[in-house]
């Protein structure tokens, strides 16, 4: 089976790009979601 990028998914390749994907995901997206949820909770009317 040929990978769409032409690169086979070896463990070395995955170890190279996974930190570059997950560090921004955890460091930027997670706090943004948390801030949005807290903002919605604070501004919610009963």
PDB file of N, CA and C in Angstrom:
ATOM      1  N   UNK A   1       0.842  -1.178   0.000  1.00  0.00           N
ATOM      2  CA  UNK A   1       0.000   0.000   0.000  1.00  0.00           C
ATOM      3  C   UNK A   1       0.890   1.244   0.000  1.00  0.00           C
ATOM      4  N   UNK A   2       0.564   2.190  -0.828  1.00  0.00           N
ATOM      5  CA  UNK A   2       1.366   3.403  -0.967  1.00  0.00           C
ATOM      6  C   UNK A   2       0.716   4.524  -0.164  1.00  0.00           C
ATOM      7  N   UNK A   3       1.530   5.168   0.642  1.00  0.00           N
ATOM      8  CA  UNK A   3       1.063   6.307   1.428  1.00  0.00           C
ATOM      9  C   UNK A   3       0.825   7.499   0.493  1.00  0.00           C
ATOM     10  N   UNK A   4      -0.212   8.312   0.744  1.00  0.00           N
ATOM     11  CA  UNK A   4      -0.476   9.450  -0.143  1.00  0.00           C
ATOM     12  C   UNK A   4       0.701  10.415  -0.258  1.00  0.00           C
ATOM     13  N   UNK A   5       1.481  10.529   0.790  1.00  0.00           N
ATOM     14  CA  UNK A   5       2.636  11.424   0.745  1.00  0.00           C
ATOM     15  C   UNK A   5       3.867  10.751   0.165  1.00  0.00           C
ATOM     16  N   UNK A   6       3.762   9.470  -0.116  1.00  0.00           N
ATOM     17  CA  UNK A   6       4.893   8.741  -0.655  1.00  0.00           C
ATOM     18  C   UNK A   6       5.895   8.340   0.398  1.00  0.00           C
ATOM     19  N   UNK A   7       5.536   8.469   1.668  1.00  0.00           N
ATOM     20  CA  UNK A   7       6.434   8.126   2.766  1.00  0.00           C
ATOM     21  C   UNK A   7       5.754   7.045   3.603  1.00  0.00           C
ATOM     22  N   UNK A   8       6.462   5.961   3.828  1.00  0.00           N
ATOM     23  CA  UNK A   8       5.873   4.920   4.659  1.00  0.00           C
ATOM     24  C   UNK A   8       5.892   5.373   6.115  1.00  0.00           C
ATOM     25  N   UNK A   9       4.877   4.989   6.867  1.00  0.00           N
ATOM     26  CA  UNK A   9       4.750   5.411   8.259  1.00  0.00           C
ATOM     27  C   UNK A   9       5.600   4.497   9.130  1.00  0.00           C
ATOM     28  N   UNK A  10       6.869   4.834   9.240  1.00  0.00           N
ATOM     29  CA  UNK A  10       7.747   4.088  10.118  1.00  0.00           C
ATOM     30  C   UNK A  10       7.723   4.730  11.498  1.00  0.00           C
ATOM     31  N   UNK A  11       8.225   4.025  12.478  1.00  0.00           N
ATOM     32  CA  UNK A  11       8.222   4.581  13.829  1.00  0.00           C
ATOM     33  C   UNK A  11       9.141   5.791  13.925  1.00  0.00           C
ATOM     34  N   UNK A  12      10.233   5.791  13.171  1.00  0.00           N
ATOM     35  CA  UNK A  12      11.125   6.959  13.189  1.00  0.00           C
ATOM     36  C   UNK A  12      10.439   8.184  12.597  1.00  0.00           C
ATOM     37  N   UNK A  13       9.716   7.974  11.522  1.00  0.00           N
ATOM     38  CA  UNK A  13       9.007   9.090  10.893  1.00  0.00           C
ATOM     39  C   UNK A  13       7.917   9.618  11.817  1.00  0.00           C
ATOM     40  N   UNK A  14       7.178   8.716  12.450  1.00  0.00           N
ATOM     41  CA  UNK A  14       6.117   9.129  13.375  1.00  0.00           C
ATOM     42  C   UNK A  14       6.707   9.857  14.575  1.00  0.00           C
ATOM     43  N   UNK A  15       7.840   9.372  15.070  1.00  0.00           N
ATOM     44  CA  UNK A  15       8.478  10.021  16.215  1.00  0.00           C
ATOM     45  C   UNK A  15       8.990  11.409  15.849  1.00  0.00           C
ATOM     46  N   UNK A  16       9.207  11.645  14.578  1.00  0.00           N
ATOM     47  CA  UNK A  16       9.690  12.956  14.143  1.00  0.00           C
ATOM     48  C   UNK A  16       8.561  13.973  14.071  1.00  0.00           C
ATOM     49  N   UNK A  17       7.410  13.600  13.499  1.00  0.00           N
ATOM     50  CA  UNK A  17       6.371  14.614  13.280  1.00  0.00           C
ATOM     51  C   UNK A  17       5.285  14.650  14.336  1.00  0.00           C
ATOM     52  N   UNK A  18       5.117  13.597  15.140  1.00  0.00           N
ATOM     53  CA  UNK A  18       4.061  13.626  16.150  1.00  0.00           C
ATOM     54  C   UNK A  18       4.258  14.705  17.219  1.00  0.00           C
ATOM     55  N   UNK A  19       5.465  14.922  17.738  1.00  0.00           N
ATOM     56  CA  UNK A  19       5.610  16.021  18.698  1.00  0.00           C
ATOM     57  C   UNK A  19       5.282  17.380  18.086  1.00  0.00           C
ATOM     58  N   UNK A  20       5.610  17.578  16.829  1.00  0.00           N
ATOM     59  CA  UNK A  20       5.326  18.846  16.166  1.00  0.00           C
ATOM     60  C   UNK A  20       3.826  19.057  15.983  1.00  0.00           C
ATOM     61  N   UNK A  21       3.046  17.972  16.007  1.00  0.00           N
ATOM     62  CA  UNK A  21       1.598  18.079  15.874  1.00  0.00           C
ATOM     63  C   UNK A  21       0.951  18.234  17.250  1.00  0.00           C
ATOM     64  N   UNK A  22       1.368  17.431  18.206  1.00  0.00           N
ATOM     65  CA  UNK A  22       0.680  17.403  19.489  1.00  0.00           C
ATOM     66  C   UNK A  22       1.058  18.525  20.430  1.00  0.00           C
ATOM     67  N   UNK A  23       2.261  19.072  20.324  1.00  0.00           N
ATOM     68  CA  UNK A  23       2.641  20.172  21.204  1.00  0.00           C
ATOM     69  C   UNK A  23       1.759  21.394  20.956  1.00  0.00           C
ATOM     70  N   UNK A  24       1.573  21.851  19.708  1.00  0.00           N
ATOM     71  CA  UNK A  24       0.629  22.962  19.513  1.00  0.00           C
ATOM     72  C   UNK A  24      -0.804  22.580  19.851  1.00  0.00           C
ATOM     73  N   UNK A  25      -1.161  21.328  19.604  1.00  0.00           N
ATOM     74  CA  UNK A  25      -2.523  20.893  19.892  1.00  0.00           C
ATOM     75  C   UNK A  25      -2.812  20.996  21.379  1.00  0.00           C
ATOM     76  N   UNK A  26      -1.902  20.523  22.197  1.00  0.00           N
ATOM     77  CA  UNK A  26      -2.096  20.556  23.642  1.00  0.00           C
ATOM     78  C   UNK A  26      -1.862  21.966  24.189  1.00  0.00           C
ATOM     79  N   UNK A  27      -0.855  22.659  23.657  1.00  0.00           N
ATOM     80  CA  UNK A  27      -0.470  23.942  24.208  1.00  0.00           C
ATOM     81  C   UNK A  27      -1.339  25.101  23.773  1.00  0.00           C
ATOM     82  N   UNK A  28      -2.009  25.011  22.632  1.00  0.00           N
ATOM     83  CA  UNK A  28      -2.800  26.122  22.122  1.00  0.00           C
ATOM     84  C   UNK A  28      -4.289  25.811  22.059  1.00  0.00           C
ATOM     85  N   UNK A  29      -4.642  24.658  21.549  1.00  0.00           N
ATOM     86  CA  UNK A  29      -6.054  24.332  21.339  1.00  0.00           C
ATOM     87  C   UNK A  29      -6.749  24.036  22.666  1.00  0.00           C
ATOM     88  N   UNK A  30      -6.109  23.292  23.542  1.00  0.00           N
ATOM     89  CA  UNK A  30      -6.738  22.934  24.808  1.00  0.00           C
ATOM     90  C   UNK A  30      -7.053  24.163  25.673  1.00  0.00           C
ATOM     91  N   UNK A  31      -6.110  25.092  25.868  1.00  0.00           N
ATOM     92  CA  UNK A  31      -6.485  26.296  26.627  1.00  0.00           C
ATOM     93  C   UNK A  31      -7.559  27.129  25.928  1.00  0.00           C
ATOM     94  N   UNK A  32      -7.542  27.172  24.611  1.00  0.00           N
ATOM     95  CA  UNK A  32      -8.568  27.939  23.890  1.00  0.00           C
ATOM     96  C   UNK A  32      -9.949  27.341  24.137  1.00  0.00           C
ATOM     97  N   UNK A  33     -10.057  26.032  24.084  1.00  0.00           N
ATOM     98  CA  UNK A  33     -11.344  25.377  24.343  1.00  0.00           C
ATOM     99  C   UNK A  33     -11.767  25.621  25.789  1.00  0.00           C
ATOM    100  N   UNK A  34     -10.833  25.540  26.713  1.00  0.00           N
ATOM    101  CA  UNK A  34     -11.135  25.772  28.125  1.00  0.00           C
ATOM    102  C   UNK A  34     -11.648  27.195  28.342  1.00  0.00           C
ATOM    103  N   UNK A  35     -10.986  28.184  27.725  1.00  0.00           N
ATOM    104  CA  UNK A  35     -11.398  29.576  27.880  1.00  0.00           C
ATOM    105  C   UNK A  35     -12.795  29.791  27.306  1.00  0.00           C
ATOM    106  N   UNK A  36     -13.078  29.189  26.164  1.00  0.00           N
ATOM    107  CA  UNK A  36     -14.408  29.329  25.562  1.00  0.00           C
ATOM    108  C   UNK A  36     -15.467  28.709  26.463  1.00  0.00           C
ATOM    109  N   UNK A  37     -15.197  27.532  26.991  1.00  0.00           N
ATOM    110  CA  UNK A  37     -16.180  26.873  27.851  1.00  0.00           C
ATOM    111  C   UNK A  37     -16.410  27.651  29.145  1.00  0.00           C
ATOM    112  N   UNK A  38     -15.341  28.165  29.746  1.00  0.00           N
ATOM    113  CA  UNK A  38     -15.496  28.967  30.959  1.00  0.00           C
ATOM    114  C   UNK A  38     -16.257  30.257  30.651  1.00  0.00           C
ATOM    115  N   UNK A  39     -15.957  30.878  29.515  1.00  0.00           N
ATOM    116  CA  UNK A  39     -16.676  32.089  29.127  1.00  0.00           C
ATOM    117  C   UNK A  39     -18.149  31.841  28.916  1.00  0.00           C
ATOM    118  N   UNK A  40     -18.480  30.719  28.326  1.00  0.00           N
ATOM    119  CA  UNK A  40     -19.899  30.391  28.136  1.00  0.00           C
ATOM    120  C   UNK A  40     -20.581  30.107  29.464  1.00  0.00           C
ATOM    121  N   UNK A  41     -19.854  29.495  30.387  1.00  0.00           N
ATOM    122  CA  UNK A  41     -20.422  29.205  31.698  1.00  0.00           C
ATOM    123  C   UNK A  41     -20.667  30.496  32.489  1.00  0.00           C
ATOM    124  N   UNK A  42     -19.704  31.412  32.416  1.00  0.00           N
ATOM    125  CA  UNK A  42     -19.828  32.659  33.155  1.00  0.00           C
ATOM    126  C   UNK A  42     -20.962  33.516  32.616  1.00  0.00           C
ATOM    127  N   UNK A  43     -21.091  33.566  31.300  1.00  0.00           N
ATOM    128  CA  UNK A  43     -22.082  34.453  30.705  1.00  0.00           C
ATOM    129  C   UNK A  43     -23.452  33.794  30.525  1.00  0.00           C
ATOM    130  N   UNK A  44     -23.593  32.550  30.942  1.00  0.00           N
ATOM    131  CA  UNK A  44     -24.877  31.864  30.807  1.00  0.00           C
ATOM    132  C   UNK A  44     -25.911  32.492  31.740  1.00  0.00           C
ATOM    133  N   UNK A  45     -27.108  32.668  31.216  1.00  0.00           N
ATOM    134  CA  UNK A  45     -28.181  33.198  32.048  1.00  0.00           C
ATOM    135  C   UNK A  45     -29.058  32.053  32.532  1.00  0.00           C
ATOM    136  N   UNK A  46     -29.446  32.148  33.764  1.00  0.00           N
ATOM    137  CA  UNK A  46     -30.292  31.088  34.344  1.00  0.00           C
ATOM    138  C   UNK A  46     -31.753  31.329  34.052  1.00  0.00           C
TER     139      UNK A  46
END
